[in-house]
């Protein structure tokens, strides 16, 4: 195992979340290890950050360097927050958004988050995913392996047409408002 790989324990947590093969008895198109690395790369700023930065945060978080601040613009693909170039200029300068700096400790906890209960055991309330259809940060296919494990409660998905990760587009915003209102009405009456 290279120093940039996930540990066996970390991979064991992620393995059940990955999609199963398309057909029984046929090998998957991509090895599961490659899928995990692909997801990690997709969400990171660049390949160097995904391969070296993630493991480094884990090491640094166990030292006095854990309180050092790191720019979010280097940790993640902040350029994918919105599809509107004007909005992105604002976000890239906004210290509460893409221009924020966070501690190494925060990044390590964020990158190694584990839910308090298994997704298969979640039964607290219905779930609504209002998924922007043009989300370049976390596209819909990254949510499917997670949502597929929630089976004890209803899970509704609404695609927000032409909307980016921050759904600023008028149609996507209206669809999100309507979806939330319909969802609340459906599950409270």
C-alpha atoms as a PDB file:
ATOM      1  CA  UNK A   1       0.000   0.000   0.000  1.00  0.00           C
ATOM      2  CA  UNK A   2       1.388   3.395  -1.004  1.00  0.00           C
ATOM      3  CA  UNK A   3       1.320   6.209   1.498  1.00  0.00           C
ATOM      4  CA  UNK A   4      -1.361   7.929  -0.577  1.00  0.00           C
ATOM      5  CA  UNK A   5      -3.778   4.986  -0.456  1.00  0.00           C
ATOM      6  CA  UNK A   6      -6.614   4.568   1.959  1.00  0.00           C
ATOM      7  CA  UNK A   7      -6.117   2.044   4.720  1.00  0.00           C
ATOM      8  CA  UNK A   8      -7.928  -1.289   4.564  1.00  0.00           C
ATOM      9  CA  UNK A   9     -10.161  -0.048   7.398  1.00  0.00           C
ATOM     10  CA  UNK A  10     -11.090   3.126   5.471  1.00  0.00           C
ATOM     11  CA  UNK A  11     -11.809   1.114   2.315  1.00  0.00           C
ATOM     12  CA  UNK A  12     -13.958  -1.335   4.315  1.00  0.00           C
ATOM     13  CA  UNK A  13     -16.188   1.584   5.356  1.00  0.00           C
ATOM     14  CA  UNK A  14     -16.585   2.727   1.741  1.00  0.00           C
ATOM     15  CA  UNK A  15     -16.961  -0.673   0.036  1.00  0.00           C
ATOM     16  CA  UNK A  16     -20.625  -1.264   1.013  1.00  0.00           C
ATOM     17  CA  UNK A  17     -21.552   2.148  -0.389  1.00  0.00           C
ATOM     18  CA  UNK A  18     -20.325   1.318  -3.890  1.00  0.00           C
ATOM     19  CA  UNK A  19     -22.742   0.043  -6.536  1.00  0.00           C
ATOM     20  CA  UNK A  20     -22.874  -3.676  -7.193  1.00  0.00           C
ATOM     21  CA  UNK A  21     -22.024  -5.100 -10.627  1.00  0.00           C
ATOM     22  CA  UNK A  22     -24.572  -4.502 -13.369  1.00  0.00           C
ATOM     23  CA  UNK A  23     -25.281  -8.199 -13.885  1.00  0.00           C
ATOM     24  CA  UNK A  24     -24.926 -11.181 -11.605  1.00  0.00           C
ATOM     25  CA  UNK A  25     -21.903 -13.316 -12.414  1.00  0.00           C
ATOM     26  CA  UNK A  26     -20.175 -10.657 -14.487  1.00  0.00           C
ATOM     27  CA  UNK A  27     -17.114  -8.820 -13.226  1.00  0.00           C
ATOM     28  CA  UNK A  28     -17.538  -5.102 -12.573  1.00  0.00           C
ATOM     29  CA  UNK A  29     -16.316  -2.683 -15.226  1.00  0.00           C
ATOM     30  CA  UNK A  30     -14.130  -0.854 -12.683  1.00  0.00           C
ATOM     31  CA  UNK A  31     -12.341  -2.409  -9.700  1.00  0.00           C
ATOM     32  CA  UNK A  32     -13.824  -1.147  -6.426  1.00  0.00           C
ATOM     33  CA  UNK A  33     -10.444   0.304  -5.382  1.00  0.00           C
ATOM     34  CA  UNK A  34     -10.444   2.431  -8.549  1.00  0.00           C
ATOM     35  CA  UNK A  35     -13.995   3.636  -7.822  1.00  0.00           C
ATOM     36  CA  UNK A  36     -13.035   4.827  -4.339  1.00  0.00           C
ATOM     37  CA  UNK A  37      -9.952   6.610  -5.662  1.00  0.00           C
ATOM     38  CA  UNK A  38     -12.082   8.160  -8.427  1.00  0.00           C
ATOM     39  CA  UNK A  39     -14.614   9.561  -5.967  1.00  0.00           C
ATOM     40  CA  UNK A  40     -11.834  10.958  -3.793  1.00  0.00           C
ATOM     41  CA  UNK A  41     -10.243  12.580  -6.847  1.00  0.00           C
ATOM     42  CA  UNK A  42     -13.592  13.939  -8.103  1.00  0.00           C
ATOM     43  CA  UNK A  43     -14.163  15.848  -4.865  1.00  0.00           C
ATOM     44  CA  UNK A  44     -10.604  17.092  -4.359  1.00  0.00           C
ATOM     45  CA  UNK A  45      -9.071  20.243  -5.831  1.00  0.00           C
ATOM     46  CA  UNK A  46      -6.662  18.225  -7.966  1.00  0.00           C
ATOM     47  CA  UNK A  47      -4.915  14.854  -8.171  1.00  0.00           C
ATOM     48  CA  UNK A  48      -2.034  15.950  -5.933  1.00  0.00           C
ATOM     49  CA  UNK A  49      -4.472  17.021  -3.207  1.00  0.00           C
ATOM     50  CA  UNK A  50      -6.479  13.797  -3.457  1.00  0.00           C
ATOM     51  CA  UNK A  51      -3.436  11.515  -3.382  1.00  0.00           C
ATOM     52  CA  UNK A  52      -1.150  13.362  -0.949  1.00  0.00           C
ATOM     53  CA  UNK A  53      -3.196  16.075   0.758  1.00  0.00           C
ATOM     54  CA  UNK A  54      -5.870  13.774   2.200  1.00  0.00           C
ATOM     55  CA  UNK A  55      -3.390  11.412   3.920  1.00  0.00           C
ATOM     56  CA  UNK A  56      -1.263  14.398   5.001  1.00  0.00           C
ATOM     57  CA  UNK A  57      -4.273  15.991   6.764  1.00  0.00           C
ATOM     58  CA  UNK A  58      -4.712  12.775   8.727  1.00  0.00           C
ATOM     59  CA  UNK A  59      -1.098  12.846   9.875  1.00  0.00           C
ATOM     60  CA  UNK A  60      -0.986  16.594  10.565  1.00  0.00           C
ATOM     61  CA  UNK A  61      -4.218  16.437  12.591  1.00  0.00           C
ATOM     62  CA  UNK A  62      -2.399  14.327  15.176  1.00  0.00           C
ATOM     63  CA  UNK A  63       0.266  16.994  15.736  1.00  0.00           C
ATOM     64  CA  UNK A  64       0.352  20.590  16.981  1.00  0.00           C
ATOM     65  CA  UNK A  65      -0.124  21.537  13.296  1.00  0.00           C
ATOM     66  CA  UNK A  66      -3.782  20.533  13.650  1.00  0.00           C
ATOM     67  CA  UNK A  67      -4.759  24.153  14.290  1.00  0.00           C
ATOM     68  CA  UNK A  68      -3.055  25.472  11.137  1.00  0.00           C
ATOM     69  CA  UNK A  69      -5.444  26.966   8.593  1.00  0.00           C
ATOM     70  CA  UNK A  70      -5.728  25.612   5.047  1.00  0.00           C
ATOM     71  CA  UNK A  71      -7.561  27.344   2.177  1.00  0.00           C
ATOM     72  CA  UNK A  72     -10.722  25.593   1.036  1.00  0.00           C
ATOM     73  CA  UNK A  73      -9.857  26.659  -2.503  1.00  0.00           C
ATOM     74  CA  UNK A  74      -6.957  24.181  -2.340  1.00  0.00           C
ATOM     75  CA  UNK A  75      -8.862  21.458  -0.506  1.00  0.00           C
ATOM     76  CA  UNK A  76     -11.849  21.121  -2.825  1.00  0.00           C
ATOM     77  CA  UNK A  77     -13.060  22.062  -6.271  1.00  0.00           C
ATOM     78  CA  UNK A  78     -14.470  25.408  -5.212  1.00  0.00           C
ATOM     79  CA  UNK A  79     -14.652  26.388  -8.889  1.00  0.00           C
ATOM     80  CA  UNK A  80     -17.553  23.932  -9.209  1.00  0.00           C
ATOM     81  CA  UNK A  81     -19.828  25.554  -6.598  1.00  0.00           C
ATOM     82  CA  UNK A  82     -21.904  27.468  -9.140  1.00  0.00           C
ATOM     83  CA  UNK A  83     -22.308  27.432 -12.889  1.00  0.00           C
ATOM     84  CA  UNK A  84     -22.705  31.206 -13.155  1.00  0.00           C
ATOM     85  CA  UNK A  85     -19.301  32.895 -13.742  1.00  0.00           C
ATOM     86  CA  UNK A  86     -20.397  36.119 -12.017  1.00  0.00           C
ATOM     87  CA  UNK A  87     -21.534  34.245  -8.920  1.00  0.00           C
ATOM     88  CA  UNK A  88     -18.269  32.277  -8.878  1.00  0.00           C
ATOM     89  CA  UNK A  89     -16.254  35.510  -8.783  1.00  0.00           C
ATOM     90  CA  UNK A  90     -18.191  36.507  -5.665  1.00  0.00           C
ATOM     91  CA  UNK A  91     -17.847  33.062  -4.011  1.00  0.00           C
ATOM     92  CA  UNK A  92     -14.101  32.889  -4.684  1.00  0.00           C
ATOM     93  CA  UNK A  93     -13.661  36.154  -2.706  1.00  0.00           C
ATOM     94  CA  UNK A  94     -16.192  35.328   0.039  1.00  0.00           C
ATOM     95  CA  UNK A  95     -14.503  34.274   3.319  1.00  0.00           C
ATOM     96  CA  UNK A  96     -17.665  32.378   4.324  1.00  0.00           C
ATOM     97  CA  UNK A  97     -17.644  30.389   1.073  1.00  0.00           C
ATOM     98  CA  UNK A  98     -14.869  29.373  -1.346  1.00  0.00           C
ATOM     99  CA  UNK A  99     -12.333  31.829   0.130  1.00  0.00           C
ATOM    100  CA  UNK A 100     -12.683  30.319   3.621  1.00  0.00           C
ATOM    101  CA  UNK A 101      -9.712  28.835   5.467  1.00  0.00           C
ATOM    102  CA  UNK A 102     -10.300  25.915   7.849  1.00  0.00           C
ATOM    103  CA  UNK A 103      -8.126  24.076  10.338  1.00  0.00           C
ATOM    104  CA  UNK A 104      -6.278  20.904   9.421  1.00  0.00           C
ATOM    105  CA  UNK A 105      -8.226  19.247  12.273  1.00  0.00           C
ATOM    106  CA  UNK A 106     -11.552  20.205  10.627  1.00  0.00           C
ATOM    107  CA  UNK A 107     -10.455  18.860   7.233  1.00  0.00           C
ATOM    108  CA  UNK A 108      -9.322  15.581   8.764  1.00  0.00           C
ATOM    109  CA  UNK A 109     -12.645  15.135  10.590  1.00  0.00           C
ATOM    110  CA  UNK A 110     -14.582  16.081   7.455  1.00  0.00           C
ATOM    111  CA  UNK A 111     -12.609  13.682   5.258  1.00  0.00           C
ATOM    112  CA  UNK A 112     -12.997  10.822   7.743  1.00  0.00           C
ATOM    113  CA  UNK A 113     -16.600  11.411   8.797  1.00  0.00           C
ATOM    114  CA  UNK A 114     -18.605   8.320   9.688  1.00  0.00           C
ATOM    115  CA  UNK A 115     -22.337   8.550  10.374  1.00  0.00           C
ATOM    116  CA  UNK A 116     -23.546   7.738  13.891  1.00  0.00           C
ATOM    117  CA  UNK A 117     -25.702   4.912  12.529  1.00  0.00           C
ATOM    118  CA  UNK A 118     -25.492   2.677   9.488  1.00  0.00           C
ATOM    119  CA  UNK A 119     -27.488   4.005   6.546  1.00  0.00           C
ATOM    120  CA  UNK A 120     -29.442   0.737   6.419  1.00  0.00           C
ATOM    121  CA  UNK A 121     -30.610   1.436  10.000  1.00  0.00           C
ATOM    122  CA  UNK A 122     -31.743   5.025   9.347  1.00  0.00           C
ATOM    123  CA  UNK A 123     -35.448   5.300  10.169  1.00  0.00           C
ATOM    124  CA  UNK A 124     -35.811   8.784  11.679  1.00  0.00           C
ATOM    125  CA  UNK A 125     -37.668  10.585   8.874  1.00  0.00           C
ATOM    126  CA  UNK A 126     -38.307  10.620   5.125  1.00  0.00           C
ATOM    127  CA  UNK A 127     -35.453  11.868   2.941  1.00  0.00           C
ATOM    128  CA  UNK A 128     -35.589  14.380   0.094  1.00  0.00           C
ATOM    129  CA  UNK A 129     -32.668  14.833  -2.268  1.00  0.00           C
ATOM    130  CA  UNK A 130     -33.119  18.028  -4.274  1.00  0.00           C
ATOM    131  CA  UNK A 131     -30.318  17.317  -6.748  1.00  0.00           C
ATOM    132  CA  UNK A 132     -29.111  20.048  -9.088  1.00  0.00           C
ATOM    133  CA  UNK A 133     -29.057  18.437 -12.540  1.00  0.00           C
ATOM    134  CA  UNK A 134     -25.901  20.314 -13.607  1.00  0.00           C
ATOM    135  CA  UNK A 135     -24.010  19.891 -10.319  1.00  0.00           C
ATOM    136  CA  UNK A 136     -20.288  19.709 -11.105  1.00  0.00           C
ATOM    137  CA  UNK A 137     -19.315  19.363  -7.410  1.00  0.00           C
ATOM    138  CA  UNK A 138     -21.378  16.360  -6.388  1.00  0.00           C
ATOM    139  CA  UNK A 139     -23.199  14.927  -9.407  1.00  0.00           C
ATOM    140  CA  UNK A 140     -26.249  12.736  -8.904  1.00  0.00           C
ATOM    141  CA  UNK A 141     -24.404   9.464  -9.537  1.00  0.00           C
ATOM    142  CA  UNK A 142     -22.289  10.074  -6.395  1.00  0.00           C
ATOM    143  CA  UNK A 143     -25.458  10.180  -4.261  1.00  0.00           C
ATOM    144  CA  UNK A 144     -27.001   6.981  -5.588  1.00  0.00           C
ATOM    145  CA  UNK A 145     -24.759   4.494  -3.737  1.00  0.00           C
ATOM    146  CA  UNK A 146     -25.502   6.299  -0.463  1.00  0.00           C
ATOM    147  CA  UNK A 147     -29.255   6.687  -0.941  1.00  0.00           C
ATOM    148  CA  UNK A 148     -29.642   3.062  -2.062  1.00  0.00           C
ATOM    149  CA  UNK A 149     -28.828   1.934   1.496  1.00  0.00           C
ATOM    150  CA  UNK A 150     -31.655   3.979   3.045  1.00  0.00           C
ATOM    151  CA  UNK A 151     -34.563   1.540   2.865  1.00  0.00           C
ATOM    152  CA  UNK A 152     -36.554   2.001   6.086  1.00  0.00           C
ATOM    153  CA  UNK A 153     -37.977   5.403   5.134  1.00  0.00           C
ATOM    154  CA  UNK A 154     -39.212   6.930   1.884  1.00  0.00           C
ATOM    155  CA  UNK A 155     -36.484   8.528  -0.227  1.00  0.00           C
ATOM    156  CA  UNK A 156     -37.589  11.045  -2.852  1.00  0.00           C
ATOM    157  CA  UNK A 157     -35.317  12.598  -5.461  1.00  0.00           C
ATOM    158  CA  UNK A 158     -36.141  15.725  -7.434  1.00  0.00           C
ATOM    159  CA  UNK A 159     -33.810  16.893 -10.189  1.00  0.00           C
ATOM    160  CA  UNK A 160     -33.393  20.677 -10.376  1.00  0.00           C
ATOM    161  CA  UNK A 161     -33.189  21.550 -14.075  1.00  0.00           C
ATOM    162  CA  UNK A 162     -30.133  23.513 -15.237  1.00  0.00           C
ATOM    163  CA  UNK A 163     -29.031  24.124 -11.636  1.00  0.00           C
ATOM    164  CA  UNK A 164     -25.475  23.950 -10.275  1.00  0.00           C
ATOM    165  CA  UNK A 165     -24.290  22.858  -6.819  1.00  0.00           C
ATOM    166  CA  UNK A 166     -25.453  26.172  -5.419  1.00  0.00           C
ATOM    167  CA  UNK A 167     -28.817  26.199  -7.240  1.00  0.00           C
ATOM    168  CA  UNK A 168     -28.930  29.896  -8.109  1.00  0.00           C
ATOM    169  CA  UNK A 169     -30.783  29.461 -11.386  1.00  0.00           C
ATOM    170  CA  UNK A 170     -34.402  30.649 -11.239  1.00  0.00           C
ATOM    171  CA  UNK A 171     -35.938  27.409 -12.543  1.00  0.00           C
ATOM    172  CA  UNK A 172     -33.872  25.245 -10.169  1.00  0.00           C
ATOM    173  CA  UNK A 173     -34.718  27.457  -7.185  1.00  0.00           C
ATOM    174  CA  UNK A 174     -38.423  27.312  -7.969  1.00  0.00           C
ATOM    175  CA  UNK A 175     -38.291  23.540  -8.425  1.00  0.00           C
ATOM    176  CA  UNK A 176     -36.480  23.203  -5.082  1.00  0.00           C
ATOM    177  CA  UNK A 177     -39.062  25.359  -3.271  1.00  0.00           C
ATOM    178  CA  UNK A 178     -41.926  23.386  -4.843  1.00  0.00           C
ATOM    179  CA  UNK A 179     -40.269  20.043  -4.072  1.00  0.00           C
ATOM    180  CA  UNK A 180     -39.743  20.961  -0.414  1.00  0.00           C
ATOM    181  CA  UNK A 181     -43.315  22.215  -0.019  1.00  0.00           C
ATOM    182  CA  UNK A 182     -44.732  19.102  -1.711  1.00  0.00           C
ATOM    183  CA  UNK A 183     -42.480  16.820   0.347  1.00  0.00           C
ATOM    184  CA  UNK A 184     -43.468  18.421   3.653  1.00  0.00           C
ATOM    185  CA  UNK A 185     -47.165  18.302   2.713  1.00  0.00           C
ATOM    186  CA  UNK A 186     -46.906  14.678   1.582  1.00  0.00           C
ATOM    187  CA  UNK A 187     -45.229  13.511   4.772  1.00  0.00           C
ATOM    188  CA  UNK A 188     -47.139  15.596   7.330  1.00  0.00           C
ATOM    189  CA  UNK A 189     -50.724  15.021   6.277  1.00  0.00           C
END
